[in-house]
Amino acid sequence: MEKILEVRNLTVHYYLPQGVVRALENVSFDLYKGEILGVAGESGSGKSTLAQAILRLVQHPGKIVSGEIIFKGTDLLRLSEREMRSIRGRKIAMIFQDPNSYLNPVHQVGMQVGEVFEAHNGGGYKKYIPKVAELFKIVKIADPIKRVYAYPHQMSGGMKQRVLISMSIAENPDLILADEPTSALDVTIQAEIVDLLRDIRDKYGSSIIFITHDLSLLLEISDRIMIMYAGRIAEIGTRDKIKNDPKHPYTKALLKSLTYERKRRLYSIPGSIPSLINPPSGCRFAPRCSEALDICSLREPPKIQISDRVVYCHLYGGDSNE
């Protein structure tokens, strides 16, 4: 399969008066053409920082300290800001979490989507209104021609999220970063947005990184899943392998917390995610892990390749094979 994105040893820090927040530490993974990679983990695991880093949107006091982000053979970290602007929206697009924060309430939504075409191709946004209406049809907004002239407050939450999705596919990008795109929506609309993103992948061949704290959602949409914890990767594997044969104790705990048994309390992982200003030594999950070994609190876990998946865990030594 063709690799569209290669992230190598990506490290991102935030420099605060209280200390250095180690938001991402040595994160490495690949993304293939037409693949949906789900990224899951608790709040504070580094999921959104990862998306921002890929688009070079990490701002002061944050800094990409080291690593490589190789997109279609080009390291994005070596490009100028002008070169990055030509990639954002055209080659790599992003769907943000809350449409109310990204849609201007005093402008018609058709104008706002039309500005995406205007930014990359010139001319006034009005000439692109027919294209905008066609996009609204693709993302299944009812009565698309009428909705072009609607204001955000005249649309439901699900419709506004579809407007953001239409922005993201306007230039047929190779990569779409979906950062918690369904968290503000009810369950029924969530399912519709998931189906829509899957249809877009099938129609355009775009690769998608789908970021969420909801592992059950990723088990529906993803081809592969990457589990993150406290700024590091815990495990990467196919959806079926993650669901049916998880390796990392954190992955097992997340899946266990999804299981409902009548007359029993829902399982919760003991403890809480550590401070990234002063994280524990060794494996950052060790203080909460029921399977922790003595070495877990002393050394960072090694990267272990087990068949077609990767797991960072001392339980599997350095020579484990599936």
C-alpha atoms as a PDB file:
ATOM      1  CA  MET A   1       0.000   0.000   0.000  1.00  0.00           C
ATOM      2  CA  GLU A   2       1.128   3.548  -0.767  1.00  0.00           C
ATOM      3  CA  LYS A   3       2.225   5.565   2.247  1.00  0.00           C
ATOM      4  CA  ILE A   4       0.797   9.074   2.200  1.00  0.00           C
ATOM      5  CA  LEU A   5       2.097  10.195   5.602  1.00  0.00           C
ATOM      6  CA  GLU A   6       5.106   9.150   7.677  1.00  0.00           C
ATOM      7  CA  VAL A   7       5.492  10.654  11.137  1.00  0.00           C
ATOM      8  CA  ARG A   8       8.863   9.974  12.728  1.00  0.00           C
ATOM      9  CA  ASN A   9       9.848  10.700  16.354  1.00  0.00           C
ATOM     10  CA  LEU A  10       7.558  13.727  16.568  1.00  0.00           C
ATOM     11  CA  THR A  11       8.022  15.664  19.814  1.00  0.00           C
ATOM     12  CA  VAL A  12       5.954  18.716  20.799  1.00  0.00           C
ATOM     13  CA  HIS A  13       6.418  20.739  23.993  1.00  0.00           C
ATOM     14  CA  TYR A  14       4.501  23.666  25.496  1.00  0.00           C
ATOM     15  CA  TYR A  15       6.603  26.105  27.511  1.00  0.00           C
ATOM     16  CA  LEU A  16       4.490  27.381  30.390  1.00  0.00           C
ATOM     17  CA  PRO A  17       5.463  29.334  33.546  1.00  0.00           C
ATOM     18  CA  GLN A  18       4.722  26.181  35.549  1.00  0.00           C
ATOM     19  CA  GLY A  19       7.141  24.112  33.457  1.00  0.00           C
ATOM     20  CA  VAL A  20       7.485  22.276  30.146  1.00  0.00           C
ATOM     21  CA  VAL A  21       4.422  20.303  29.073  1.00  0.00           C
ATOM     22  CA  ARG A  22       5.627  17.259  27.120  1.00  0.00           C
ATOM     23  CA  ALA A  23       2.523  16.967  24.949  1.00  0.00           C
ATOM     24  CA  LEU A  24       4.001  14.532  22.414  1.00  0.00           C
ATOM     25  CA  GLU A  25       7.107  12.395  22.835  1.00  0.00           C
ATOM     26  CA  ASN A  26       8.721  10.436  19.994  1.00  0.00           C
ATOM     27  CA  VAL A  27       5.473   9.662  18.157  1.00  0.00           C
ATOM     28  CA  SER A  28       5.967   7.570  14.999  1.00  0.00           C
ATOM     29  CA  PHE A  29       3.392   6.037  12.644  1.00  0.00           C
ATOM     30  CA  ASP A  30       2.440   5.628   8.988  1.00  0.00           C
ATOM     31  CA  LEU A  31      -0.778   6.405   7.147  1.00  0.00           C
ATOM     32  CA  TYR A  32      -1.706   4.752   3.857  1.00  0.00           C
ATOM     33  CA  LYS A  33      -3.651   6.057   0.880  1.00  0.00           C
ATOM     34  CA  GLY A  34      -7.407   5.643   1.335  1.00  0.00           C
ATOM     35  CA  GLU A  35      -7.026   4.485   4.936  1.00  0.00           C
ATOM     36  CA  ILE A  36      -9.031   5.656   7.939  1.00  0.00           C
ATOM     37  CA  LEU A  37      -6.735   5.696  10.963  1.00  0.00           C
ATOM     38  CA  GLY A  38      -8.560   6.168  14.252  1.00  0.00           C
ATOM     39  CA  VAL A  39      -6.736   7.853  17.138  1.00  0.00           C
ATOM     40  CA  ALA A  40      -8.132   7.277  20.627  1.00  0.00           C
ATOM     41  CA  GLY A  41      -7.158   8.113  24.180  1.00  0.00           C
ATOM     42  CA  GLU A  42      -8.241  10.059  27.232  1.00  0.00           C
ATOM     43  CA  SER A  43      -8.230  13.850  27.302  1.00  0.00           C
ATOM     44  CA  GLY A  44      -4.638  14.999  27.567  1.00  0.00           C
ATOM     45  CA  SER A  45      -3.208  12.120  25.543  1.00  0.00           C
ATOM     46  CA  GLY A  46      -1.966  14.396  22.753  1.00  0.00           C
ATOM     47  CA  LYS A  47      -4.530  13.615  20.039  1.00  0.00           C
ATOM     48  CA  SER A  48      -5.402  17.185  19.075  1.00  0.00           C
ATOM     49  CA  THR A  49      -1.787  18.324  19.399  1.00  0.00           C
ATOM     50  CA  LEU A  50      -0.885  15.635  16.876  1.00  0.00           C
ATOM     51  CA  ALA A  51      -3.379  17.008  14.334  1.00  0.00           C
ATOM     52  CA  GLN A  52      -2.186  20.568  14.884  1.00  0.00           C
ATOM     53  CA  ALA A  53       1.433  19.511  14.479  1.00  0.00           C
ATOM     54  CA  ILE A  54       0.742  17.781  11.147  1.00  0.00           C
ATOM     55  CA  LEU A  55      -0.699  21.044   9.804  1.00  0.00           C
ATOM     56  CA  ARG A  56       2.021  23.104  11.518  1.00  0.00           C
ATOM     57  CA  LEU A  57      -0.601  24.930  13.579  1.00  0.00           C
ATOM     58  CA  VAL A  58       1.159  24.556  16.941  1.00  0.00           C
ATOM     59  CA  GLN A  59       1.523  28.103  18.243  1.00  0.00           C
ATOM     60  CA  HIS A  60       3.353  29.836  21.083  1.00  0.00           C
ATOM     61  CA  PRO A  61       3.919  28.709  23.800  1.00  0.00           C
ATOM     62  CA  GLY A  62       3.977  25.406  21.926  1.00  0.00           C
ATOM     63  CA  LYS A  63       6.865  24.257  19.752  1.00  0.00           C
ATOM     64  CA  ILE A  64       7.588  21.261  17.540  1.00  0.00           C
ATOM     65  CA  VAL A  65      10.878  20.274  19.134  1.00  0.00           C
ATOM     66  CA  SER A  66      11.985  17.500  16.802  1.00  0.00           C
ATOM     67  CA  GLY A  67      10.916  14.829  14.357  1.00  0.00           C
ATOM     68  CA  GLU A  68       9.743  14.505  10.764  1.00  0.00           C
ATOM     69  CA  ILE A  69       6.296  14.791   9.179  1.00  0.00           C
ATOM     70  CA  ILE A  70       6.741  13.396   5.680  1.00  0.00           C
ATOM     71  CA  PHE A  71       3.707  14.008   3.483  1.00  0.00           C
ATOM     72  CA  LYS A  72       3.905  12.420   0.029  1.00  0.00           C
ATOM     73  CA  GLY A  73       7.704  12.441   0.192  1.00  0.00           C
ATOM     74  CA  THR A  74       8.109  15.990   1.572  1.00  0.00           C
ATOM     75  CA  ASP A  75       9.016  16.813   5.170  1.00  0.00           C
ATOM     76  CA  LEU A  76       6.460  19.464   6.154  1.00  0.00           C
ATOM     77  CA  LEU A  77       8.700  20.710   8.949  1.00  0.00           C
ATOM     78  CA  ARG A  78      11.227  21.911   6.362  1.00  0.00           C
ATOM     79  CA  LEU A  79       8.748  23.993   4.365  1.00  0.00           C
ATOM     80  CA  SER A  80       8.310  27.738   4.662  1.00  0.00           C
ATOM     81  CA  GLU A  81       5.070  29.168   6.036  1.00  0.00           C
ATOM     82  CA  ARG A  82       4.135  30.274   2.510  1.00  0.00           C
ATOM     83  CA  GLU A  83       4.609  26.735   1.204  1.00  0.00           C
ATOM     84  CA  MET A  84       2.517  25.368   4.089  1.00  0.00           C
ATOM     85  CA  ARG A  85      -0.340  27.744   3.257  1.00  0.00           C
ATOM     86  CA  SER A  86      -0.530  26.196  -0.205  1.00  0.00           C
ATOM     87  CA  ILE A  87      -0.910  22.753   1.410  1.00  0.00           C
ATOM     88  CA  ARG A  88      -3.438  23.609   4.129  1.00  0.00           C
ATOM     89  CA  GLY A  89      -6.957  23.196   2.807  1.00  0.00           C
ATOM     90  CA  ARG A  90      -5.793  21.980  -0.599  1.00  0.00           C
ATOM     91  CA  LYS A  91      -3.694  18.900   0.171  1.00  0.00           C
ATOM     92  CA  ILE A  92      -4.395  18.490   3.892  1.00  0.00           C
ATOM     93  CA  ALA A  93      -7.708  19.646   5.362  1.00  0.00           C
ATOM     94  CA  MET A  94      -9.090  19.670   8.877  1.00  0.00           C
ATOM     95  CA  ILE A  95     -12.552  19.189  10.334  1.00  0.00           C
ATOM     96  CA  PHE A  96     -12.737  20.898  13.703  1.00  0.00           C
ATOM     97  CA  GLN A  97     -14.670  19.847  16.764  1.00  0.00           C
ATOM     98  CA  ASP A  98     -17.140  22.687  17.261  1.00  0.00           C
ATOM     99  CA  PRO A  99     -18.637  24.310  14.137  1.00  0.00           C
ATOM    100  CA  ASN A 100     -19.905  27.230  16.226  1.00  0.00           C
ATOM    101  CA  SER A 101     -16.285  28.214  16.850  1.00  0.00           C
ATOM    102  CA  TYR A 102     -15.284  28.103  13.169  1.00  0.00           C
ATOM    103  CA  LEU A 103     -18.329  29.435  11.311  1.00  0.00           C
ATOM    104  CA  ASN A 104     -18.713  33.217  11.321  1.00  0.00           C
ATOM    105  CA  PRO A 105     -22.239  33.953  12.625  1.00  0.00           C
ATOM    106  CA  VAL A 106     -22.665  37.114  10.524  1.00  0.00           C
ATOM    107  CA  HIS A 107     -21.886  35.565   7.112  1.00  0.00           C
ATOM    108  CA  GLN A 108     -23.870  33.124   5.009  1.00  0.00           C
ATOM    109  CA  VAL A 109     -22.371  29.637   5.075  1.00  0.00           C
ATOM    110  CA  GLY A 110     -22.150  29.525   1.272  1.00  0.00           C
ATOM    111  CA  MET A 111     -19.881  32.544   1.325  1.00  0.00           C
ATOM    112  CA  GLN A 112     -17.648  30.931   3.939  1.00  0.00           C
ATOM    113  CA  VAL A 113     -17.264  27.723   1.951  1.00  0.00           C
ATOM    114  CA  GLY A 114     -16.790  29.710  -1.262  1.00  0.00           C
ATOM    115  CA  GLU A 115     -13.848  31.496   0.344  1.00  0.00           C
ATOM    116  CA  VAL A 116     -11.990  28.162   0.406  1.00  0.00           C
ATOM    117  CA  PHE A 117     -12.088  28.078  -3.406  1.00  0.00           C
ATOM    118  CA  GLU A 118     -11.277  31.798  -3.541  1.00  0.00           C
ATOM    119  CA  ALA A 119      -8.195  31.398  -1.328  1.00  0.00           C
ATOM    120  CA  HIS A 120      -6.647  28.731  -3.537  1.00  0.00           C
ATOM    121  CA  ASN A 121      -7.909  29.673  -7.008  1.00  0.00           C
ATOM    122  CA  GLY A 122      -8.560  33.432  -6.932  1.00  0.00           C
ATOM    123  CA  GLY A 123     -11.646  35.338  -8.025  1.00  0.00           C
ATOM    124  CA  GLY A 124     -14.568  36.334  -5.844  1.00  0.00           C
ATOM    125  CA  TYR A 125     -16.386  33.749  -3.764  1.00  0.00           C
ATOM    126  CA  LYS A 126     -19.663  34.386  -5.622  1.00  0.00           C
ATOM    127  CA  LYS A 127     -18.412  32.638  -8.748  1.00  0.00           C
ATOM    128  CA  TYR A 128     -18.033  29.444  -6.692  1.00  0.00           C
ATOM    129  CA  ILE A 129     -21.581  29.368  -5.276  1.00  0.00           C
ATOM    130  CA  PRO A 130     -22.682  26.615  -7.766  1.00  0.00           C
ATOM    131  CA  LYS A 131     -19.712  24.517  -6.587  1.00  0.00           C
ATOM    132  CA  VAL A 132     -20.683  25.149  -2.970  1.00  0.00           C
ATOM    133  CA  ALA A 133     -24.239  23.984  -3.657  1.00  0.00           C
ATOM    134  CA  GLU A 134     -22.830  20.822  -5.245  1.00  0.00           C
ATOM    135  CA  LEU A 135     -20.681  20.239  -2.158  1.00  0.00           C
ATOM    136  CA  PHE A 136     -23.734  20.654   0.074  1.00  0.00           C
ATOM    137  CA  LYS A 137     -25.462  18.021  -2.032  1.00  0.00           C
ATOM    138  CA  ILE A 138     -22.515  15.647  -1.598  1.00  0.00           C
ATOM    139  CA  VAL A 139     -22.528  16.039   2.197  1.00  0.00           C
ATOM    140  CA  LYS A 140     -26.299  15.486   2.180  1.00  0.00           C
ATOM    141  CA  ILE A 141     -27.516  18.907   3.274  1.00  0.00           C
ATOM    142  CA  ALA A 142     -31.201  19.080   2.390  1.00  0.00           C
ATOM    143  CA  ASP A 143     -32.230  21.774  -0.122  1.00  0.00           C
ATOM    144  CA  PRO A 144     -28.576  22.690  -0.834  1.00  0.00           C
ATOM    145  CA  ILE A 145     -29.238  25.723  -3.057  1.00  0.00           C
ATOM    146  CA  LYS A 146     -31.376  27.340  -0.364  1.00  0.00           C
ATOM    147  CA  ARG A 147     -28.912  26.479   2.400  1.00  0.00           C
ATOM    148  CA  VAL A 148     -26.079  28.261   0.588  1.00  0.00           C
ATOM    149  CA  TYR A 149     -27.706  31.518   1.675  1.00  0.00           C
ATOM    150  CA  ALA A 150     -28.415  30.426   5.262  1.00  0.00           C
ATOM    151  CA  TYR A 151     -26.634  31.780   8.332  1.00  0.00           C
ATOM    152  CA  PRO A 152     -25.136  29.415  10.915  1.00  0.00           C
ATOM    153  CA  HIS A 153     -27.866  30.139  13.482  1.00  0.00           C
ATOM    154  CA  GLN A 154     -30.447  28.898  10.969  1.00  0.00           C
ATOM    155  CA  MET A 155     -28.867  25.437  10.843  1.00  0.00           C
ATOM    156  CA  SER A 156     -28.791  22.517  13.270  1.00  0.00           C
ATOM    157  CA  GLY A 157     -25.575  21.250  14.831  1.00  0.00           C
ATOM    158  CA  GLY A 158     -25.445  18.332  12.414  1.00  0.00           C
ATOM    159  CA  MET A 159     -25.936  20.614   9.406  1.00  0.00           C
ATOM    160  CA  LYS A 160     -23.191  22.969  10.573  1.00  0.00           C
ATOM    161  CA  GLN A 161     -20.815  20.039  10.965  1.00  0.00           C
ATOM    162  CA  ARG A 162     -21.660  19.029   7.382  1.00  0.00           C
ATOM    163  CA  VAL A 163     -20.765  22.560   6.294  1.00  0.00           C
ATOM    164  CA  LEU A 164     -17.331  22.123   7.897  1.00  0.00           C
ATOM    165  CA  ILE A 165     -16.969  18.774   6.139  1.00  0.00           C
ATOM    166  CA  SER A 166     -17.860  20.403   2.809  1.00  0.00           C
ATOM    167  CA  MET A 167     -15.064  22.919   3.428  1.00  0.00           C
ATOM    168  CA  SER A 168     -12.628  20.104   4.060  1.00  0.00           C
ATOM    169  CA  ILE A 169     -13.390  18.303   0.773  1.00  0.00           C
ATOM    170  CA  ALA A 170     -13.661  21.427  -1.408  1.00  0.00           C
ATOM    171  CA  GLU A 171     -10.213  20.933  -2.958  1.00  0.00           C
ATOM    172  CA  ASN A 172     -10.248  17.104  -2.923  1.00  0.00           C
ATOM    173  CA  PRO A 173      -7.448  16.821  -0.322  1.00  0.00           C
ATOM    174  CA  ASP A 174      -5.258  13.774   0.007  1.00  0.00           C
ATOM    175  CA  LEU A 175      -5.547  13.848   3.804  1.00  0.00           C
ATOM    176  CA  ILE A 176      -8.398  14.896   6.105  1.00  0.00           C
ATOM    177  CA  LEU A 177      -7.777  15.415   9.826  1.00  0.00           C
ATOM    178  CA  ALA A 178     -11.057  14.989  11.712  1.00  0.00           C
ATOM    179  CA  ASP A 179     -10.545  16.267  15.268  1.00  0.00           C
ATOM    180  CA  GLU A 180     -13.459  15.109  17.452  1.00  0.00           C
ATOM    181  CA  PRO A 181     -15.938  15.904  14.629  1.00  0.00           C
ATOM    182  CA  THR A 182     -18.906  14.246  16.354  1.00  0.00           C
ATOM    183  CA  SER A 183     -18.379  15.038  20.049  1.00  0.00           C
ATOM    184  CA  ALA A 184     -21.002  17.823  20.130  1.00  0.00           C
ATOM    185  CA  LEU A 185     -23.642  15.778  18.284  1.00  0.00           C
ATOM    186  CA  ASP A 186     -26.235  13.294  19.479  1.00  0.00           C
ATOM    187  CA  VAL A 187     -25.781   9.594  18.781  1.00  0.00           C
ATOM    188  CA  THR A 188     -28.032   9.467  15.713  1.00  0.00           C
ATOM    189  CA  ILE A 189     -26.260  12.379  14.019  1.00  0.00           C
ATOM    190  CA  GLN A 190     -22.884  10.903  15.011  1.00  0.00           C
ATOM    191  CA  ALA A 191     -23.726   7.766  13.029  1.00  0.00           C
ATOM    192  CA  GLU A 192     -24.704   9.861  10.011  1.00  0.00           C
ATOM    193  CA  ILE A 193     -21.429  11.832  10.113  1.00  0.00           C
ATOM    194  CA  VAL A 194     -19.419   8.605  10.414  1.00  0.00           C
ATOM    195  CA  ASP A 195     -21.212   7.171   7.375  1.00  0.00           C
ATOM    196  CA  LEU A 196     -20.611  10.428   5.497  1.00  0.00           C
ATOM    197  CA  LEU A 197     -16.870  10.388   6.189  1.00  0.00           C
ATOM    198  CA  ARG A 198     -16.684   6.770   5.065  1.00  0.00           C
ATOM    199  CA  ASP A 199     -18.517   7.690   1.844  1.00  0.00           C
ATOM    200  CA  ILE A 200     -16.096  10.576   1.238  1.00  0.00           C
ATOM    201  CA  ARG A 201     -13.142   8.227   1.645  1.00  0.00           C
ATOM    202  CA  ASP A 202     -14.693   5.839  -0.879  1.00  0.00           C
ATOM    203  CA  LYS A 203     -15.617   8.628  -3.333  1.00  0.00           C
ATOM    204  CA  TYR A 204     -12.399  10.660  -3.267  1.00  0.00           C
ATOM    205  CA  GLY A 205      -9.815   8.171  -2.021  1.00  0.00           C
ATOM    206  CA  SER A 206      -8.789  10.572   0.759  1.00  0.00           C
ATOM    207  CA  SER A 207      -6.956   9.255   3.790  1.00  0.00           C
ATOM    208  CA  ILE A 208      -8.555  10.225   7.107  1.00  0.00           C
ATOM    209  CA  ILE A 209      -7.145  10.542  10.613  1.00  0.00           C
ATOM    210  CA  PHE A 210     -10.211  10.359  12.868  1.00  0.00           C
ATOM    211  CA  ILE A 211      -9.491  11.625  16.371  1.00  0.00           C
ATOM    212  CA  THR A 212     -11.834  10.942  19.276  1.00  0.00           C
ATOM    213  CA  HIS A 213     -11.958   9.892  22.920  1.00  0.00           C
ATOM    214  CA  ASP A 214     -14.773   7.466  21.978  1.00  0.00           C
ATOM    215  CA  LEU A 215     -13.166   4.115  21.200  1.00  0.00           C
ATOM    216  CA  SER A 216     -16.525   2.543  20.362  1.00  0.00           C
ATOM    217  CA  LEU A 217     -16.889   5.048  17.515  1.00  0.00           C
ATOM    218  CA  LEU A 218     -13.497   4.109  16.103  1.00  0.00           C
ATOM    219  CA  LEU A 219     -14.458   0.446  16.132  1.00  0.00           C
ATOM    220  CA  GLU A 220     -17.162   1.423  13.629  1.00  0.00           C
ATOM    221  CA  ILE A 221     -15.224   3.611  11.188  1.00  0.00           C
ATOM    222  CA  SER A 222     -11.509   2.796  11.330  1.00  0.00           C
ATOM    223  CA  ASP A 223      -9.314   0.479   9.298  1.00  0.00           C
ATOM    224  CA  ARG A 224      -6.564   0.738  11.911  1.00  0.00           C
ATOM    225  CA  ILE A 225      -6.563   2.242  15.389  1.00  0.00           C
ATOM    226  CA  MET A 226      -3.789   4.044  17.257  1.00  0.00           C
ATOM    227  CA  ILE A 227      -4.133   4.194  21.040  1.00  0.00           C
ATOM    228  CA  MET A 228      -2.380   7.135  22.720  1.00  0.00           C
ATOM    229  CA  TYR A 229      -1.669   7.763  26.377  1.00  0.00           C
ATOM    230  CA  ALA A 230      -0.034  10.815  27.973  1.00  0.00           C
ATOM    231  CA  GLY A 231       1.660  11.994  24.779  1.00  0.00           C
ATOM    232  CA  ARG A 232       2.908   8.612  23.616  1.00  0.00           C
ATOM    233  CA  ILE A 233       1.651   5.758  21.487  1.00  0.00           C
ATOM    234  CA  ALA A 234       0.551   2.650  23.373  1.00  0.00           C
ATOM    235  CA  GLU A 235      -0.548   0.417  20.496  1.00  0.00           C
ATOM    236  CA  ILE A 236      -1.343   0.466  16.766  1.00  0.00           C
ATOM    237  CA  GLY A 237      -3.257  -2.319  15.054  1.00  0.00           C
ATOM    238  CA  THR A 238      -6.108  -3.187  12.755  1.00  0.00           C
ATOM    239  CA  ARG A 239      -9.603  -2.560  14.058  1.00  0.00           C
ATOM    240  CA  ASP A 240     -10.297  -6.277  14.459  1.00  0.00           C
ATOM    241  CA  LYS A 241      -7.011  -6.968  16.254  1.00  0.00           C
ATOM    242  CA  ILE A 242      -7.529  -4.068  18.647  1.00  0.00           C
ATOM    243  CA  LYS A 243     -11.100  -5.155  19.342  1.00  0.00           C
ATOM    244  CA  ASN A 244     -10.578  -8.901  19.665  1.00  0.00           C
ATOM    245  CA  ASP A 245      -6.963  -9.265  20.790  1.00  0.00           C
ATOM    246  CA  PRO A 246      -5.641  -6.097  22.449  1.00  0.00           C
ATOM    247  CA  LYS A 247      -2.052  -6.255  23.662  1.00  0.00           C
ATOM    248  CA  HIS A 248      -1.335  -3.124  25.688  1.00  0.00           C
ATOM    249  CA  PRO A 249      -2.875  -3.055  29.197  1.00  0.00           C
ATOM    250  CA  TYR A 250      -4.223   0.433  28.481  1.00  0.00           C
ATOM    251  CA  THR A 251      -6.016  -0.787  25.352  1.00  0.00           C
ATOM    252  CA  LYS A 252      -7.465  -3.684  27.343  1.00  0.00           C
ATOM    253  CA  ALA A 253      -8.675  -1.280  30.041  1.00  0.00           C
ATOM    254  CA  LEU A 254     -10.320   1.050  27.502  1.00  0.00           C
ATOM    255  CA  LEU A 255     -12.170  -1.856  25.917  1.00  0.00           C
ATOM    256  CA  LYS A 256     -13.204  -3.186  29.311  1.00  0.00           C
ATOM    257  CA  SER A 257     -14.701   0.201  30.178  1.00  0.00           C
ATOM    258  CA  LEU A 258     -17.010  -0.148  27.142  1.00  0.00           C
ATOM    259  CA  THR A 259     -18.472  -3.437  28.338  1.00  0.00           C
ATOM    260  CA  TYR A 260     -21.818  -3.262  30.072  1.00  0.00           C
ATOM    261  CA  GLU A 261     -23.003  -6.036  32.341  1.00  0.00           C
ATOM    262  CA  ARG A 262     -26.401  -5.808  33.958  1.00  0.00           C
ATOM    263  CA  LYS A 263     -26.400  -5.177  37.722  1.00  0.00           C
ATOM    264  CA  ARG A 264     -22.673  -4.437  37.662  1.00  0.00           C
ATOM    265  CA  ARG A 265     -21.007  -1.059  37.800  1.00  0.00           C
ATOM    266  CA  LEU A 266     -19.241   0.113  34.664  1.00  0.00           C
ATOM    267  CA  TYR A 267     -15.502  -0.508  34.817  1.00  0.00           C
ATOM    268  CA  SER A 268     -13.305   2.562  35.183  1.00  0.00           C
ATOM    269  CA  ILE A 269      -9.525   2.755  34.964  1.00  0.00           C
ATOM    270  CA  PRO A 270      -8.130   3.576  38.426  1.00  0.00           C
ATOM    271  CA  GLY A 271      -6.192   6.793  38.854  1.00  0.00           C
ATOM    272  CA  SER A 272      -5.930   9.608  36.343  1.00  0.00           C
ATOM    273  CA  ILE A 273      -3.726  10.665  33.460  1.00  0.00           C
ATOM    274  CA  PRO A 274      -0.427  12.072  34.828  1.00  0.00           C
ATOM    275  CA  SER A 275       0.807  15.627  34.625  1.00  0.00           C
ATOM    276  CA  LEU A 276       2.791  16.102  31.439  1.00  0.00           C
ATOM    277  CA  ILE A 277       4.940  18.699  33.189  1.00  0.00           C
ATOM    278  CA  ASN A 278       6.313  16.047  35.511  1.00  0.00           C
ATOM    279  CA  PRO A 279       5.340  12.669  34.014  1.00  0.00           C
ATOM    280  CA  PRO A 280       6.343   9.433  35.728  1.00  0.00           C
ATOM    281  CA  SER A 281       9.585   7.819  34.654  1.00  0.00           C
ATOM    282  CA  GLY A 282       9.499   4.735  32.469  1.00  0.00           C
ATOM    283  CA  CYS A 283       6.078   3.824  31.118  1.00  0.00           C
ATOM    284  CA  ARG A 284       3.639   6.647  31.762  1.00  0.00           C
ATOM    285  CA  PHE A 285       0.790   4.189  32.262  1.00  0.00           C
ATOM    286  CA  ALA A 286       2.671   2.123  34.869  1.00  0.00           C
ATOM    287  CA  PRO A 287       1.115   3.807  37.958  1.00  0.00           C
ATOM    288  CA  ARG A 288      -2.366   2.791  36.738  1.00  0.00           C
ATOM    289  CA  CYS A 289      -1.452  -0.568  35.201  1.00  0.00           C
ATOM    290  CA  SER A 290      -2.590  -3.821  36.797  1.00  0.00           C
ATOM    291  CA  GLU A 291       0.092  -5.763  34.900  1.00  0.00           C
ATOM    292  CA  ALA A 292       3.070  -3.485  35.613  1.00  0.00           C
ATOM    293  CA  LEU A 293       6.514  -5.014  36.133  1.00  0.00           C
ATOM    294  CA  ASP A 294       9.397  -3.530  38.132  1.00  0.00           C
ATOM    295  CA  ILE A 295      11.082  -2.392  34.926  1.00  0.00           C
ATOM    296  CA  CYS A 296       8.004  -0.454  33.828  1.00  0.00           C
ATOM    297  CA  SER A 297       8.721   2.403  36.209  1.00  0.00           C
ATOM    298  CA  LEU A 298      12.423   2.463  35.325  1.00  0.00           C
ATOM    299  CA  ARG A 299      12.632   2.403  31.526  1.00  0.00           C
ATOM    300  CA  GLU A 300      10.532   3.623  28.653  1.00  0.00           C
ATOM    301  CA  PRO A 301       8.804   0.664  26.983  1.00  0.00           C
ATOM    302  CA  PRO A 302      10.399  -0.569  23.766  1.00  0.00           C
ATOM    303  CA  LYS A 303       8.680  -0.605  20.397  1.00  0.00           C
ATOM    304  CA  ILE A 304       7.620  -4.203  19.769  1.00  0.00           C
ATOM    305  CA  GLN A 305       6.444  -5.420  16.364  1.00  0.00           C
ATOM    306  CA  ILE A 306       3.929  -8.243  16.794  1.00  0.00           C
ATOM    307  CA  SER A 307       2.855  -9.473  13.392  1.00  0.00           C
ATOM    308  CA  ASP A 308       1.073  -6.535  11.727  1.00  0.00           C
ATOM    309  CA  ARG A 309       0.811  -4.325  14.801  1.00  0.00           C
ATOM    310  CA  VAL A 310       3.013  -2.235  17.066  1.00  0.00           C
ATOM    311  CA  VAL A 311       2.850  -2.190  20.867  1.00  0.00           C
ATOM    312  CA  TYR A 312       4.981  -0.215  23.306  1.00  0.00           C
ATOM    313  CA  CYS A 313       5.077  -2.444  26.372  1.00  0.00           C
ATOM    314  CA  HIS A 314       7.636  -4.277  28.533  1.00  0.00           C
ATOM    315  CA  LEU A 315       5.316  -7.294  28.821  1.00  0.00           C
ATOM    316  CA  TYR A 316       6.380  -8.434  25.367  1.00  0.00           C
ATOM    317  CA  GLY A 317      10.133  -8.063  25.783  1.00  0.00           C
ATOM    318  CA  GLY A 318      12.084  -7.496  22.614  1.00  0.00           C
ATOM    319  CA  ASP A 319      11.642 -10.732  20.718  1.00  0.00           C
ATOM    320  CA  SER A 320       7.908 -11.479  20.947  1.00  0.00           C
ATOM    321  CA  ASN A 321       6.101 -12.712  17.887  1.00  0.00           C
ATOM    322  CA  GLU A 322       2.485 -13.516  17.340  1.00  0.00           C
END
